[in-house]
Amino acid sequence: MKTTIANDFLTASILHKGAELCSLKTSDIEYIWEGNPTFWGKHSPVLFPIVGALKNNSYVFENKQYQMYRHGFARDLNFDLVAKSNTEASFSLKNSESSFLIYPFEFELIVTYILDHKKLIIQYDVRNFSNKTMPFSIGAHPAFSLKNDFNSYTLDFEHDQLLEYHLLEGDLLSDKTEKIELVNNKMHLNYDLFKNDALVFKQLKSKTIAIAEHGNPFLRINFSQFPNLGIWTKKDAPFICLEPWFGFADETTSSGKIIEKNGIILLNKKSEWQAEFDIEIV
């Protein structure tokens, strides 16, 4: 099941499963990856209540161990459509008996999509109804369709800098880093960049990145509130993922205690947290 919103410039469709954006298009161009399982069967999953993988796919909270798999469970569950207009739709996921077995908190996650001129604004609202602090991470994972030769695209960063990203060991972050030097603020795409999986940036000066084809930008992602970013694709896949995150995978040295996890948000009891980013057609 999916819900569609539209304005004079854009149409967006969102699956109720995972509150996942599955289409963002103008009258003649689709910008979101089609989800062909030959490469990757997703479009733009919502990552909650963790981003990336946990060490041994488990964590400890209040001296009890819980199992949770990569990127959390929200992307696999059905959300309720709780508000809808022509240009806006909100989806809600609440805790359940089954979620409590792997994440012992009373919560609500509301994901809202708003079309504003040539932008799609994506808002996250996390509510902790528990009588205890709730640790969580949250992130976006939009895959943008690339119709032509992968090497013809660049990522145009807001600032020119020497980028440092963390290497993965398995699914975990190692203490090893590598650097990418931008040329005139541009990262030229090639599949070798992703030979060790995603590029994970714990710190990034740029908060706006455009995708350009043959030097012509056509889409921009703006994520000023988000501290972390992942960039990812698969070998020969015709898409690129630009992923604003709060948090990242466990490090190889992680203790396993979720409240000690680097990048985790600790939301006070009976509290609410909000953030947003947008995808802009240029």
C-alpha atoms as a PDB file:
ATOM      1  CA  MET A   1       0.000   0.000   0.000  1.00  0.00           C
ATOM      2  CA  LYS A   2       1.263   3.496  -0.749  1.00  0.00           C
ATOM      3  CA  THR A   3       0.214   7.122  -0.467  1.00  0.00           C
ATOM      4  CA  THR A   4       0.909   9.772  -3.098  1.00  0.00           C
ATOM      5  CA  ILE A   5       1.233  13.535  -2.670  1.00  0.00           C
ATOM      6  CA  ALA A   6       1.777  16.130  -5.387  1.00  0.00           C
ATOM      7  CA  ASN A   7       2.172  19.814  -6.199  1.00  0.00           C
ATOM      8  CA  ASP A   8       2.707  21.705  -9.453  1.00  0.00           C
ATOM      9  CA  PHE A   9       6.312  20.492  -9.757  1.00  0.00           C
ATOM     10  CA  LEU A  10       6.698  17.135  -8.023  1.00  0.00           C
ATOM     11  CA  THR A  11       4.897  13.928  -7.179  1.00  0.00           C
ATOM     12  CA  ALA A  12       6.046  11.730  -4.292  1.00  0.00           C
ATOM     13  CA  SER A  13       4.856   8.247  -3.350  1.00  0.00           C
ATOM     14  CA  ILE A  14       5.473   6.639   0.028  1.00  0.00           C
ATOM     15  CA  LEU A  15       5.049   2.987   0.915  1.00  0.00           C
ATOM     16  CA  HIS A  16       3.211   2.320   4.171  1.00  0.00           C
ATOM     17  CA  LYS A  17       5.724  -0.442   4.865  1.00  0.00           C
ATOM     18  CA  GLY A  18       8.616   1.375   6.476  1.00  0.00           C
ATOM     19  CA  ALA A  19       7.150   4.788   5.566  1.00  0.00           C
ATOM     20  CA  GLU A  20       9.588   4.448   2.671  1.00  0.00           C
ATOM     21  CA  LEU A  21       9.790   6.978  -0.132  1.00  0.00           C
ATOM     22  CA  CYS A  22       9.540   4.956  -3.338  1.00  0.00           C
ATOM     23  CA  SER A  23       9.111   7.674  -5.968  1.00  0.00           C
ATOM     24  CA  LEU A  24       9.940  11.332  -6.444  1.00  0.00           C
ATOM     25  CA  LYS A  25       9.363  12.625  -9.939  1.00  0.00           C
ATOM     26  CA  THR A  26       8.579  15.520 -12.191  1.00  0.00           C
ATOM     27  CA  SER A  27       6.318  15.002 -15.193  1.00  0.00           C
ATOM     28  CA  ASP A  28       9.088  13.200 -17.077  1.00  0.00           C
ATOM     29  CA  ILE A  29      11.947  12.274 -14.695  1.00  0.00           C
ATOM     30  CA  GLU A  30      12.029   9.756 -11.822  1.00  0.00           C
ATOM     31  CA  TYR A  31      14.720  10.531  -9.246  1.00  0.00           C
ATOM     32  CA  ILE A  32      14.403   7.609  -6.824  1.00  0.00           C
ATOM     33  CA  TRP A  33      15.946   4.209  -7.498  1.00  0.00           C
ATOM     34  CA  GLU A  34      13.390   1.679  -8.742  1.00  0.00           C
ATOM     35  CA  GLY A  35      14.322  -1.002  -6.205  1.00  0.00           C
ATOM     36  CA  ASN A  36      15.460  -3.689  -8.654  1.00  0.00           C
ATOM     37  CA  PRO A  37      16.529  -6.562  -6.345  1.00  0.00           C
ATOM     38  CA  THR A  38      19.277  -7.550  -8.778  1.00  0.00           C
ATOM     39  CA  PHE A  39      21.228  -4.715  -7.164  1.00  0.00           C
ATOM     40  CA  TRP A  40      19.232  -3.586  -4.114  1.00  0.00           C
ATOM     41  CA  GLY A  41      15.555  -4.100  -3.417  1.00  0.00           C
ATOM     42  CA  LYS A  42      14.983  -0.909  -1.441  1.00  0.00           C
ATOM     43  CA  HIS A  43      14.342   2.718  -2.402  1.00  0.00           C
ATOM     44  CA  SER A  44      14.824   4.936   0.652  1.00  0.00           C
ATOM     45  CA  PRO A  45      14.442   3.066   3.950  1.00  0.00           C
ATOM     46  CA  VAL A  46      14.116   4.811   7.315  1.00  0.00           C
ATOM     47  CA  LEU A  47      16.826   3.604   9.698  1.00  0.00           C
ATOM     48  CA  PHE A  48      15.569   3.342  13.293  1.00  0.00           C
ATOM     49  CA  PRO A  49      16.343   2.782  16.145  1.00  0.00           C
ATOM     50  CA  ILE A  50      19.890   2.080  15.008  1.00  0.00           C
ATOM     51  CA  VAL A  51      21.985   3.083  12.006  1.00  0.00           C
ATOM     52  CA  GLY A  52      24.311   0.447  10.642  1.00  0.00           C
ATOM     53  CA  ALA A  53      25.155  -2.775  12.439  1.00  0.00           C
ATOM     54  CA  LEU A  54      25.680  -3.616  16.091  1.00  0.00           C
ATOM     55  CA  LYS A  55      28.622  -5.695  17.253  1.00  0.00           C
ATOM     56  CA  ASN A  56      27.415  -9.309  17.201  1.00  0.00           C
ATOM     57  CA  ASN A  57      24.007  -7.909  16.191  1.00  0.00           C
ATOM     58  CA  SER A  58      23.262  -7.263  19.839  1.00  0.00           C
ATOM     59  CA  TYR A  59      23.366  -4.608  22.551  1.00  0.00           C
ATOM     60  CA  VAL A  60      23.106  -4.418  26.321  1.00  0.00           C
ATOM     61  CA  PHE A  61      20.660  -2.177  28.174  1.00  0.00           C
ATOM     62  CA  GLU A  62      20.178  -2.298  31.942  1.00  0.00           C
ATOM     63  CA  ASN A  63      22.293  -5.470  32.091  1.00  0.00           C
ATOM     64  CA  LYS A  64      20.072  -7.327  29.622  1.00  0.00           C
ATOM     65  CA  GLN A  65      21.127  -8.340  26.138  1.00  0.00           C
ATOM     66  CA  TYR A  66      18.911  -7.712  23.113  1.00  0.00           C
ATOM     67  CA  GLN A  67      19.268  -8.794  19.483  1.00  0.00           C
ATOM     68  CA  MET A  68      18.813  -6.254  16.716  1.00  0.00           C
ATOM     69  CA  TYR A  69      19.911  -6.402  13.115  1.00  0.00           C
ATOM     70  CA  ARG A  70      21.443  -3.852  10.800  1.00  0.00           C
ATOM     71  CA  HIS A  71      19.587  -0.538  10.479  1.00  0.00           C
ATOM     72  CA  GLY A  72      16.911  -1.532  12.986  1.00  0.00           C
ATOM     73  CA  PHE A  73      13.343  -2.695  12.500  1.00  0.00           C
ATOM     74  CA  ALA A  74      11.322   0.356  11.393  1.00  0.00           C
ATOM     75  CA  ARG A  75      12.022  -0.241   7.697  1.00  0.00           C
ATOM     76  CA  ASP A  76      10.324  -3.655   7.863  1.00  0.00           C
ATOM     77  CA  LEU A  77       7.134  -2.655   9.701  1.00  0.00           C
ATOM     78  CA  ASN A  78       3.875  -1.129   8.534  1.00  0.00           C
ATOM     79  CA  PHE A  79       3.277   2.476   9.556  1.00  0.00           C
ATOM     80  CA  ASP A  80      -0.146   4.035  10.001  1.00  0.00           C
ATOM     81  CA  LEU A  81      -1.090   6.984   7.816  1.00  0.00           C
ATOM     82  CA  VAL A  82      -2.105   9.579  10.420  1.00  0.00           C
ATOM     83  CA  ALA A  83      -2.436  12.779   8.359  1.00  0.00           C
ATOM     84  CA  LYS A  84      -2.828  13.489   4.663  1.00  0.00           C
ATOM     85  CA  SER A  85      -3.333  16.496   2.404  1.00  0.00           C
ATOM     86  CA  ASN A  86      -2.548  17.076  -1.266  1.00  0.00           C
ATOM     87  CA  THR A  87       1.066  17.979  -0.498  1.00  0.00           C
ATOM     88  CA  GLU A  88       1.757  16.378   2.884  1.00  0.00           C
ATOM     89  CA  ALA A  89       1.553  12.946   4.511  1.00  0.00           C
ATOM     90  CA  SER A  90       2.500  11.735   8.000  1.00  0.00           C
ATOM     91  CA  PHE A  91       3.123   8.145   9.031  1.00  0.00           C
ATOM     92  CA  SER A  92       3.314   6.744  12.558  1.00  0.00           C
ATOM     93  CA  LEU A  93       4.986   3.692  14.072  1.00  0.00           C
ATOM     94  CA  LYS A  94       4.423   2.827  17.745  1.00  0.00           C
ATOM     95  CA  ASN A  95       5.935   0.208  19.989  1.00  0.00           C
ATOM     96  CA  SER A  96       4.289  -3.196  20.093  1.00  0.00           C
ATOM     97  CA  GLU A  97       4.654  -6.443  22.021  1.00  0.00           C
ATOM     98  CA  SER A  98       7.070  -7.726  19.387  1.00  0.00           C
ATOM     99  CA  SER A  99       9.149  -4.528  19.269  1.00  0.00           C
ATOM    100  CA  PHE A 100       9.406  -4.567  23.063  1.00  0.00           C
ATOM    101  CA  LEU A 101      11.289  -7.866  22.877  1.00  0.00           C
ATOM    102  CA  ILE A 102      14.142  -6.231  20.976  1.00  0.00           C
ATOM    103  CA  TYR A 103      13.750  -2.577  22.005  1.00  0.00           C
ATOM    104  CA  PRO A 104      12.259  -2.184  25.513  1.00  0.00           C
ATOM    105  CA  PHE A 105      10.797   1.303  25.158  1.00  0.00           C
ATOM    106  CA  GLU A 106       7.435   2.937  24.636  1.00  0.00           C
ATOM    107  CA  PHE A 107       7.907   5.159  21.619  1.00  0.00           C
ATOM    108  CA  GLU A 108       6.330   6.719  18.576  1.00  0.00           C
ATOM    109  CA  LEU A 109       8.191   7.520  15.360  1.00  0.00           C
ATOM    110  CA  ILE A 110       6.410   9.939  13.032  1.00  0.00           C
ATOM    111  CA  VAL A 111       7.792  10.431   9.522  1.00  0.00           C
ATOM    112  CA  THR A 112       6.324  13.345   7.555  1.00  0.00           C
ATOM    113  CA  TYR A 113       6.784  14.132   3.868  1.00  0.00           C
ATOM    114  CA  ILE A 114       6.026  17.672   2.671  1.00  0.00           C
ATOM    115  CA  LEU A 115       6.235  18.967  -0.884  1.00  0.00           C
ATOM    116  CA  ASP A 116       7.250  22.627  -1.050  1.00  0.00           C
ATOM    117  CA  HIS A 117       7.838  23.979  -4.565  1.00  0.00           C
ATOM    118  CA  LYS A 118      10.753  21.886  -5.887  1.00  0.00           C
ATOM    119  CA  LYS A 119      11.650  20.378  -2.502  1.00  0.00           C
ATOM    120  CA  LEU A 120      10.579  17.288  -0.646  1.00  0.00           C
ATOM    121  CA  ILE A 121      11.031  17.912   3.079  1.00  0.00           C
ATOM    122  CA  ILE A 122      11.369  14.810   5.246  1.00  0.00           C
ATOM    123  CA  GLN A 123      10.757  15.251   8.966  1.00  0.00           C
ATOM    124  CA  TYR A 124      11.462  12.800  11.779  1.00  0.00           C
ATOM    125  CA  ASP A 125       9.662  13.098  15.118  1.00  0.00           C
ATOM    126  CA  VAL A 126      10.694  10.668  17.854  1.00  0.00           C
ATOM    127  CA  ARG A 127       8.669  10.508  21.071  1.00  0.00           C
ATOM    128  CA  ASN A 128       9.732   8.677  24.204  1.00  0.00           C
ATOM    129  CA  PHE A 129       6.735   7.690  26.322  1.00  0.00           C
ATOM    130  CA  SER A 130       8.857   5.558  28.654  1.00  0.00           C
ATOM    131  CA  ASN A 131       9.796   6.430  32.205  1.00  0.00           C
ATOM    132  CA  LYS A 132      13.455   6.011  31.330  1.00  0.00           C
ATOM    133  CA  THR A 133      15.978   7.496  28.942  1.00  0.00           C
ATOM    134  CA  MET A 134      15.639   6.036  25.453  1.00  0.00           C
ATOM    135  CA  PRO A 135      18.773   5.574  23.320  1.00  0.00           C
ATOM    136  CA  PHE A 136      18.296   5.705  19.565  1.00  0.00           C
ATOM    137  CA  SER A 137      19.822   6.569  16.244  1.00  0.00           C
ATOM    138  CA  ILE A 138      17.953   7.534  13.093  1.00  0.00           C
ATOM    139  CA  GLY A 139      18.923   8.021   9.507  1.00  0.00           C
ATOM    140  CA  ALA A 140      17.839   8.284   5.903  1.00  0.00           C
ATOM    141  CA  HIS A 141      18.958   6.008   3.086  1.00  0.00           C
ATOM    142  CA  PRO A 142      17.648   7.507  -0.190  1.00  0.00           C
ATOM    143  CA  ALA A 143      18.942   5.934  -3.385  1.00  0.00           C
ATOM    144  CA  PHE A 144      18.992   8.279  -6.377  1.00  0.00           C
ATOM    145  CA  SER A 145      18.660   6.844  -9.843  1.00  0.00           C
ATOM    146  CA  LEU A 146      21.524   7.407 -12.290  1.00  0.00           C
ATOM    147  CA  LYS A 147      20.401   6.780 -15.854  1.00  0.00           C
ATOM    148  CA  ASN A 148      23.745   7.069 -17.628  1.00  0.00           C
ATOM    149  CA  ASP A 149      27.357   6.014 -17.188  1.00  0.00           C
ATOM    150  CA  PHE A 150      28.320   6.112 -13.505  1.00  0.00           C
ATOM    151  CA  ASN A 151      31.594   7.886 -14.253  1.00  0.00           C
ATOM    152  CA  SER A 152      29.746  10.819 -15.814  1.00  0.00           C
ATOM    153  CA  TYR A 153      28.444  11.911 -12.393  1.00  0.00           C
ATOM    154  CA  THR A 154      29.987  13.987  -9.637  1.00  0.00           C
ATOM    155  CA  LEU A 155      28.952  14.832  -6.111  1.00  0.00           C
ATOM    156  CA  ASP A 156      29.301  18.593  -5.684  1.00  0.00           C
ATOM    157  CA  PHE A 157      30.012  19.516  -2.073  1.00  0.00           C
ATOM    158  CA  GLU A 158      29.189  22.814  -0.419  1.00  0.00           C
ATOM    159  CA  HIS A 159      32.777  23.231   0.776  1.00  0.00           C
ATOM    160  CA  ASP A 160      36.119  22.259  -0.709  1.00  0.00           C
ATOM    161  CA  GLN A 161      37.947  20.081   1.768  1.00  0.00           C
ATOM    162  CA  LEU A 162      39.985  16.935   2.263  1.00  0.00           C
ATOM    163  CA  LEU A 163      37.324  14.389   3.199  1.00  0.00           C
ATOM    164  CA  GLU A 164      38.137  11.729   5.778  1.00  0.00           C
ATOM    165  CA  TYR A 165      35.990   8.625   5.942  1.00  0.00           C
ATOM    166  CA  HIS A 166      36.077   5.569   8.180  1.00  0.00           C
ATOM    167  CA  LEU A 167      36.678   2.095   6.791  1.00  0.00           C
ATOM    168  CA  LEU A 168      34.397  -0.801   7.653  1.00  0.00           C
ATOM    169  CA  GLU A 169      35.583  -4.137   8.989  1.00  0.00           C
ATOM    170  CA  GLY A 170      32.726  -6.437   8.192  1.00  0.00           C
ATOM    171  CA  ASP A 171      29.771  -4.256   9.135  1.00  0.00           C
ATOM    172  CA  LEU A 172      31.607  -2.398  11.911  1.00  0.00           C
ATOM    173  CA  LEU A 173      33.609   0.825  11.839  1.00  0.00           C
ATOM    174  CA  SER A 174      37.338   0.390  12.239  1.00  0.00           C
ATOM    175  CA  ASP A 175      39.785   3.009  13.471  1.00  0.00           C
ATOM    176  CA  LYS A 176      41.276   3.114   9.972  1.00  0.00           C
ATOM    177  CA  THR A 177      40.495   6.081   7.764  1.00  0.00           C
ATOM    178  CA  GLU A 178      41.175   7.144   4.210  1.00  0.00           C
ATOM    179  CA  LYS A 179      40.961  10.523   2.555  1.00  0.00           C
ATOM    180  CA  ILE A 180      39.404  11.871  -0.612  1.00  0.00           C
ATOM    181  CA  GLU A 181      40.603  15.159  -2.010  1.00  0.00           C
ATOM    182  CA  LEU A 182      37.864  17.108  -3.724  1.00  0.00           C
ATOM    183  CA  VAL A 183      38.653  18.870  -6.975  1.00  0.00           C
ATOM    184  CA  ASN A 184      36.804  22.180  -7.183  1.00  0.00           C
ATOM    185  CA  ASN A 185      34.414  20.863  -4.493  1.00  0.00           C
ATOM    186  CA  LYS A 186      33.659  17.783  -6.615  1.00  0.00           C
ATOM    187  CA  MET A 187      33.913  14.058  -5.946  1.00  0.00           C
ATOM    188  CA  HIS A 188      34.064  12.181  -9.251  1.00  0.00           C
ATOM    189  CA  LEU A 189      32.093   8.973  -8.930  1.00  0.00           C
ATOM    190  CA  ASN A 190      33.608   5.606  -9.731  1.00  0.00           C
ATOM    191  CA  TYR A 191      32.808   2.186  -8.354  1.00  0.00           C
ATOM    192  CA  ASP A 192      36.283   1.717  -6.862  1.00  0.00           C
ATOM    193  CA  LEU A 193      35.369   4.293  -4.217  1.00  0.00           C
ATOM    194  CA  PHE A 194      32.962   1.718  -2.778  1.00  0.00           C
ATOM    195  CA  LYS A 195      35.114  -1.391  -2.987  1.00  0.00           C
ATOM    196  CA  ASN A 196      35.025  -1.604   0.823  1.00  0.00           C
ATOM    197  CA  ASP A 197      31.298  -0.800   1.057  1.00  0.00           C
ATOM    198  CA  ALA A 198      29.970   2.571   2.223  1.00  0.00           C
ATOM    199  CA  LEU A 199      31.946   5.753   2.838  1.00  0.00           C
ATOM    200  CA  VAL A 200      31.138   6.777   6.414  1.00  0.00           C
ATOM    201  CA  PHE A 201      31.770  10.370   7.464  1.00  0.00           C
ATOM    202  CA  LYS A 202      31.599  11.112  11.174  1.00  0.00           C
ATOM    203  CA  GLN A 203      32.304  14.774  10.517  1.00  0.00           C
ATOM    204  CA  LEU A 204      31.624  16.742   7.387  1.00  0.00           C
ATOM    205  CA  LYS A 205      31.847  20.470   6.853  1.00  0.00           C
ATOM    206  CA  SER A 206      29.446  20.402   3.911  1.00  0.00           C
ATOM    207  CA  LYS A 207      25.743  20.130   4.710  1.00  0.00           C
ATOM    208  CA  THR A 208      24.593  20.371   1.092  1.00  0.00           C
ATOM    209  CA  ILE A 209      25.584  17.950  -1.683  1.00  0.00           C
ATOM    210  CA  ALA A 210      24.402  18.072  -5.290  1.00  0.00           C
ATOM    211  CA  ILE A 211      24.446  15.270  -7.836  1.00  0.00           C
ATOM    212  CA  ALA A 212      25.653  16.505 -11.222  1.00  0.00           C
ATOM    213  CA  GLU A 213      25.792  14.824 -14.622  1.00  0.00           C
ATOM    214  CA  HIS A 214      28.527  16.056 -16.957  1.00  0.00           C
ATOM    215  CA  GLY A 215      28.899  19.073 -14.651  1.00  0.00           C
ATOM    216  CA  ASN A 216      25.190  19.930 -14.530  1.00  0.00           C
ATOM    217  CA  PRO A 217      23.582  19.611 -11.083  1.00  0.00           C
ATOM    218  CA  PHE A 218      20.073  18.162 -11.121  1.00  0.00           C
ATOM    219  CA  LEU A 219      19.380  17.242  -7.487  1.00  0.00           C
ATOM    220  CA  ARG A 220      20.544  18.539  -4.136  1.00  0.00           C
ATOM    221  CA  ILE A 221      20.236  17.110  -0.643  1.00  0.00           C
ATOM    222  CA  ASN A 222      20.296  19.566   2.285  1.00  0.00           C
ATOM    223  CA  PHE A 223      20.959  18.124   5.749  1.00  0.00           C
ATOM    224  CA  SER A 224      22.134  20.960   7.999  1.00  0.00           C
ATOM    225  CA  GLN A 225      20.841  19.312  11.200  1.00  0.00           C
ATOM    226  CA  PHE A 226      22.524  15.934  10.641  1.00  0.00           C
ATOM    227  CA  PRO A 227      26.041  15.342  11.994  1.00  0.00           C
ATOM    228  CA  ASN A 228      26.940  12.177  10.052  1.00  0.00           C
ATOM    229  CA  LEU A 229      26.699  10.972   6.470  1.00  0.00           C
ATOM    230  CA  GLY A 230      27.007   7.765   4.515  1.00  0.00           C
ATOM    231  CA  ILE A 231      27.566   7.482   0.753  1.00  0.00           C
ATOM    232  CA  TRP A 232      27.014   4.091  -0.854  1.00  0.00           C
ATOM    233  CA  THR A 233      26.345   2.097  -3.972  1.00  0.00           C
ATOM    234  CA  LYS A 234      26.976  -1.424  -5.218  1.00  0.00           C
ATOM    235  CA  LYS A 235      29.252  -2.541  -8.029  1.00  0.00           C
ATOM    236  CA  ASP A 236      27.692  -1.659 -11.394  1.00  0.00           C
ATOM    237  CA  ALA A 237      24.473  -0.431  -9.750  1.00  0.00           C
ATOM    238  CA  PRO A 238      22.821   2.600 -11.424  1.00  0.00           C
ATOM    239  CA  PHE A 239      22.194   4.559  -8.232  1.00  0.00           C
ATOM    240  CA  ILE A 240      23.950   6.503  -5.489  1.00  0.00           C
ATOM    241  CA  CYS A 241      22.803   6.730  -1.877  1.00  0.00           C
ATOM    242  CA  LEU A 242      23.329   9.954   0.084  1.00  0.00           C
ATOM    243  CA  GLU A 243      22.443   9.162   3.686  1.00  0.00           C
ATOM    244  CA  PRO A 244      22.110  11.809   6.427  1.00  0.00           C
ATOM    245  CA  TRP A 245      22.448  10.112   9.806  1.00  0.00           C
ATOM    246  CA  PHE A 246      22.319  10.657  13.514  1.00  0.00           C
ATOM    247  CA  GLY A 247      24.661   7.845  14.495  1.00  0.00           C
ATOM    248  CA  PHE A 248      26.522   5.086  12.687  1.00  0.00           C
ATOM    249  CA  ALA A 249      27.501   1.444  13.059  1.00  0.00           C
ATOM    250  CA  ASP A 250      29.200   0.095  16.143  1.00  0.00           C
ATOM    251  CA  GLU A 251      32.947   0.409  16.156  1.00  0.00           C
ATOM    252  CA  THR A 252      35.140  -2.676  16.398  1.00  0.00           C
ATOM    253  CA  THR A 253      36.031  -1.553  19.947  1.00  0.00           C
ATOM    254  CA  SER A 254      32.418  -0.906  21.060  1.00  0.00           C
ATOM    255  CA  SER A 255      31.506  -2.144  24.539  1.00  0.00           C
ATOM    256  CA  GLY A 256      28.079  -3.336  23.454  1.00  0.00           C
ATOM    257  CA  LYS A 257      26.334  -1.112  26.002  1.00  0.00           C
ATOM    258  CA  ILE A 258      23.974   0.968  23.922  1.00  0.00           C
ATOM    259  CA  ILE A 259      24.093   4.032  26.171  1.00  0.00           C
ATOM    260  CA  GLU A 260      27.868   4.132  25.590  1.00  0.00           C
ATOM    261  CA  LYS A 261      27.552   3.816  21.815  1.00  0.00           C
ATOM    262  CA  ASN A 262      29.271   6.623  19.917  1.00  0.00           C
ATOM    263  CA  GLY A 263      26.782   8.830  18.085  1.00  0.00           C
ATOM    264  CA  ILE A 264      23.759   7.592  20.030  1.00  0.00           C
ATOM    265  CA  ILE A 265      21.006  10.035  21.041  1.00  0.00           C
ATOM    266  CA  LEU A 266      19.804   9.748  24.638  1.00  0.00           C
ATOM    267  CA  LEU A 267      16.226  10.990  24.738  1.00  0.00           C
ATOM    268  CA  ASN A 268      14.959  11.839  28.221  1.00  0.00           C
ATOM    269  CA  LYS A 269      11.834  10.168  29.522  1.00  0.00           C
ATOM    270  CA  LYS A 270       8.544  11.665  28.291  1.00  0.00           C
ATOM    271  CA  SER A 271      10.447  13.769  25.753  1.00  0.00           C
ATOM    272  CA  GLU A 272      10.321  14.477  22.035  1.00  0.00           C
ATOM    273  CA  TRP A 273      13.030  14.947  19.397  1.00  0.00           C
ATOM    274  CA  GLN A 274      12.757  16.319  15.856  1.00  0.00           C
ATOM    275  CA  ALA A 275      14.937  16.807  12.792  1.00  0.00           C
ATOM    276  CA  GLU A 276      14.475  17.248   9.059  1.00  0.00           C
ATOM    277  CA  PHE A 277      16.311  17.306   5.751  1.00  0.00           C
ATOM    278  CA  ASP A 278      15.190  17.905   2.196  1.00  0.00           C
ATOM    279  CA  ILE A 279      15.683  16.712  -1.359  1.00  0.00           C
ATOM    280  CA  GLU A 280      15.655  19.559  -3.863  1.00  0.00           C
ATOM    281  CA  ILE A 281      15.315  19.344  -7.631  1.00  0.00           C
ATOM    282  CA  VAL A 282      17.523  21.993  -9.284  1.00  0.00           C
END
